[in-house]
Protein backbone atom coordinates (compact mmCIF):
# COMPACT_ATOMS: atom_id res chain seq x y z
CA MET A 1 83.24 69.52 -111.02
CA ALA A 2 85.28 72.65 -111.58
CA GLY A 3 82.54 75.02 -110.43
CA LEU A 4 81.94 73.27 -107.12
CA ASP A 5 81.63 75.78 -104.26
CA VAL A 6 82.66 73.46 -101.43
CA ARG A 7 82.93 76.09 -98.67
CA HIS A 8 79.40 77.37 -99.24
CA LEU A 9 78.15 73.81 -99.63
CA GLY A 10 79.72 72.76 -96.33
CA ASP A 11 78.06 75.66 -94.52
CA TYR A 12 74.71 74.77 -96.07
CA ILE A 13 74.98 71.11 -95.05
CA ARG A 14 75.91 72.15 -91.50
CA GLU A 15 72.88 74.50 -91.34
CA GLN A 16 70.55 71.79 -92.60
CA ARG A 17 72.00 69.28 -90.14
CA GLY A 18 71.47 71.76 -87.30
CA ALA A 19 67.90 72.49 -88.42
CA SER A 20 67.17 68.75 -88.49
CA ASP A 21 68.80 68.33 -85.06
CA ILE A 22 71.09 65.56 -86.31
CA SER A 23 74.66 65.11 -85.11
CA LEU A 24 77.56 64.82 -87.52
CA ARG A 25 77.99 61.17 -86.53
CA GLN A 26 74.28 60.43 -87.11
CA LEU A 27 74.28 62.13 -90.52
CA ALA A 28 77.41 60.26 -91.57
CA LYS A 29 75.76 56.97 -90.63
CA LEU A 30 72.48 57.85 -92.40
CA ALA A 31 74.31 59.03 -95.53
CA GLY A 32 76.60 56.01 -95.60
CA VAL A 33 79.85 58.01 -95.44
CA SER A 34 82.57 58.12 -92.86
CA ASN A 35 82.48 60.63 -90.03
CA PRO A 36 85.82 62.28 -90.97
CA TYR A 37 84.82 62.52 -94.64
CA LEU A 38 81.55 64.32 -93.79
CA SER A 39 83.45 66.63 -91.43
CA GLN A 40 85.85 67.53 -94.25
CA ILE A 41 82.90 68.25 -96.58
CA GLU A 42 81.32 70.57 -94.00
CA ARG A 43 84.62 72.41 -93.52
CA GLY A 44 85.01 72.86 -97.29
CA LEU A 45 88.08 70.64 -97.56
CA ARG A 46 86.54 67.90 -99.74
CA LYS A 47 84.59 67.94 -102.99
CA PRO A 48 81.80 65.37 -102.71
CA SER A 49 80.48 63.60 -105.80
CA ALA A 50 76.90 64.00 -106.95
CA GLU A 51 76.13 60.54 -105.55
CA ILE A 52 77.45 61.47 -102.10
CA LEU A 53 75.45 64.70 -102.21
CA GLN A 54 72.36 62.69 -103.04
CA GLN A 55 72.97 60.38 -100.08
CA ILE A 56 73.46 63.37 -97.76
CA ALA A 57 70.28 65.02 -99.09
CA LYS A 58 68.30 61.84 -98.52
CA ALA A 59 69.64 61.59 -94.96
CA LEU A 60 68.76 65.25 -94.30
CA ARG A 61 65.37 64.78 -95.98
CA ILE A 62 65.94 67.64 -98.38
CA SER A 63 66.04 67.58 -102.16
CA ALA A 64 69.25 66.52 -103.83
CA GLU A 65 68.65 69.38 -106.26
CA ALA A 66 68.92 71.85 -103.38
CA LEU A 67 72.37 70.47 -102.56
CA TYR A 68 73.36 70.47 -106.24
CA VAL A 69 72.39 74.14 -106.47
CA GLN A 70 74.40 74.94 -103.33
CA ALA A 71 77.36 73.03 -104.77
CA GLY A 72 77.11 74.91 -108.07
CA ILE A 73 76.34 71.75 -110.05
CA LEU A 74 72.86 72.92 -111.03
CA GLU A 75 71.46 76.38 -111.63
CA HIS A 76 68.75 77.62 -109.32
CA ARG A 77 65.25 77.21 -110.76
CA PRO A 78 62.76 79.44 -108.95
CA GLY A 79 59.79 77.76 -107.33
CA ASN A 80 61.16 74.23 -107.39
CA GLY A 81 63.19 73.88 -104.18
CA LEU A 82 60.55 74.76 -101.61
CA LEU A 83 58.08 72.14 -102.71
CA ALA A 84 60.77 69.49 -103.02
CA ASP A 85 62.04 70.33 -99.53
CA ALA A 86 58.51 70.11 -98.13
CA VAL A 87 57.88 66.75 -99.80
CA HIS A 88 61.19 65.35 -98.53
CA ALA A 89 60.46 66.62 -95.01
CA ASP A 90 57.03 64.94 -94.87
CA GLU A 91 57.40 61.96 -92.53
CA GLY A 92 54.02 60.56 -93.53
CA LEU A 93 55.28 59.56 -96.98
CA SER A 94 57.62 56.76 -97.99
CA GLU A 95 60.75 57.58 -99.97
CA ARG A 96 59.17 56.05 -103.08
CA GLN A 97 56.00 58.17 -102.67
CA LYS A 98 58.13 61.29 -102.29
CA GLN A 99 60.05 60.46 -105.44
CA VAL A 100 56.84 59.82 -107.42
CA LEU A 101 55.29 63.07 -106.18
CA LEU A 102 58.33 65.07 -107.27
CA GLU A 103 58.41 63.32 -110.66
CA ILE A 104 54.74 64.16 -111.24
CA TYR A 105 55.34 67.74 -110.17
CA ASP A 106 58.28 68.05 -112.58
CA SER A 107 56.25 66.54 -115.43
CA PHE A 108 53.46 69.07 -114.83
CA ARG A 109 55.96 71.93 -114.84
CA LYS A 110 57.53 70.69 -118.09
CA GLU A 111 54.11 70.22 -119.70
CA ASN A 112 53.02 73.73 -118.72
CA ALA A 113 56.29 75.22 -119.94
CA ALA A 114 55.88 73.44 -123.29
CA ALA A 115 52.26 74.60 -123.58
CA GLN A 116 53.27 78.15 -122.75
CA ALA A 117 56.07 78.07 -125.30
CA SER A 118 53.66 76.68 -127.89
CA SER A 119 51.02 79.35 -127.21
CA THR A 120 53.69 82.05 -127.33
CA GLU A 121 54.90 80.67 -130.65
CA ASP A 122 51.32 80.51 -131.99
CA ALA A 123 50.73 84.12 -130.93
CA ALA A 124 53.93 85.21 -132.68
CA VAL A 125 52.92 83.39 -135.88
CA SER A 126 49.47 84.98 -135.66
CA LEU A 127 50.99 88.44 -135.29
CA VAL A 128 53.28 87.91 -138.26
CA THR A 129 50.40 86.60 -140.39
CA THR A 130 48.17 89.53 -139.42
CA SER A 131 51.00 91.96 -140.11
CA ASN A 132 51.59 90.41 -143.55
CA GLU A 133 47.87 90.52 -144.35
CA LEU A 134 47.69 94.18 -143.40
CA SER A 135 50.70 95.09 -145.52
CA THR A 136 49.25 93.39 -148.61
CA THR A 137 45.74 94.77 -148.21
CA SER A 138 45.15 97.96 -150.16
CA LEU A 139 43.13 100.59 -148.43
CA PRO A 140 40.51 102.51 -150.44
CA THR A 141 41.50 105.91 -151.76
CA PRO A 142 39.17 108.91 -151.61
CA ASP A 143 38.64 108.68 -155.38
CA SER A 144 37.53 105.07 -155.18
CA ILE A 145 34.92 105.80 -152.53
CA THR A 146 31.56 106.60 -154.08
CA LYS A 147 28.23 107.38 -152.61
CA PRO A 148 25.94 104.40 -152.38
CA ARG A 149 23.32 104.25 -155.12
CA LYS A 150 19.68 104.13 -154.27
CA LYS A 151 18.27 100.75 -155.03
CA LYS A 152 15.11 100.50 -157.09
CA ALA A 153 12.19 99.06 -155.28
CA ALA A 154 11.61 95.52 -156.31
CA SER A 155 8.40 95.23 -158.30
CA ALA A 156 5.97 92.46 -157.65
CA PRO A 157 5.96 89.81 -160.33
CA ARG A 158 3.12 90.20 -162.82
CA ALA A 159 0.64 87.49 -163.30
CA SER A 160 1.05 86.21 -166.79
CA ALA A 161 -2.08 85.68 -168.81
CA PRO A 162 -2.17 83.29 -171.70
CA ARG A 163 -1.32 85.07 -174.87
CA ALA A 164 -3.60 84.82 -177.78
CA LYS A 165 -2.33 84.14 -181.23
CA PRO A 166 -2.34 87.24 -183.40
CA ALA A 167 -4.96 87.28 -186.05
CA THR A 168 -3.51 86.72 -189.50
CA SER A 169 -6.46 87.37 -191.71
CA ALA A 170 -10.10 88.18 -191.27
CA PRO A 171 -11.57 85.19 -193.11
CA ALA A 172 -9.58 82.74 -191.04
CA ALA A 173 -10.48 84.55 -187.85
CA ALA A 174 -14.14 84.48 -188.74
CA ALA A 175 -14.01 80.78 -189.10
CA ASP A 176 -12.58 80.34 -185.66
CA GLY A 177 -14.96 82.72 -184.02
CA PRO A 178 -14.44 86.11 -182.45
CA THR A 179 -10.81 87.06 -181.94
CA ALA A 180 -9.30 88.87 -179.07
CA SER A 181 -7.33 91.93 -179.85
CA THR A 182 -3.67 92.04 -178.95
CA GLU A 183 -4.38 94.83 -176.48
CA ASP A 184 -6.77 92.65 -174.49
CA ALA A 185 -4.20 89.91 -174.22
CA VAL A 186 -1.67 92.06 -172.56
C-alpha cells in the first residue's frame, strides 16, 4: 500500500469516532484491534491493512469504501459514499440487510452505467452511419432538375361491343342475312 495516506486517514477515523461519540477503547474493542494499535493508526504512525480498515468501518457504522478512499486505496466515486454511510448508520437494519442493500445499489449503478455506455455507443454508430450515407448520396444538380410534366387525365375504359366478322363477299352475306357494316360495330 504505497499510496496510503495514514496521517489523513487517522484524522478521518478520529473525526468519525468523535461524531459517533465512541471512545478509543470502545472502538478498539468493537473493531477487534488493540487499543495502542488503534491509537497509532489515528496518529498516523501505523498503516492498517484493508481488513483492519473494514473492521474499523463496521465498528463506526460507515462504509469501508469511505475509509479506503481516505486511505488512498480507492479513488473517490461521486455519489456513492453518502448513501453507503446512511445505510451503515441506520440502526433499524441488520448488518446483512445493509450489505444486501448496498450490493443492490451497486448493481443498479453498474447496470445504468452499462446501459448509458451502450446507448452512447449506439448513438455514435448511428451518427457515423448517417454521415456515411450522406457522403455517398449524390445531390441533384440544377441541370438534372426538370419541371414536372402535366399528367394526362385518365380516360374511362370503353365498353367493348362484340365485333362482327367482316363481310367477305356479297353472296355469302346474303345467305346469312343482313350484315352489319364495320362502322356500326365500332
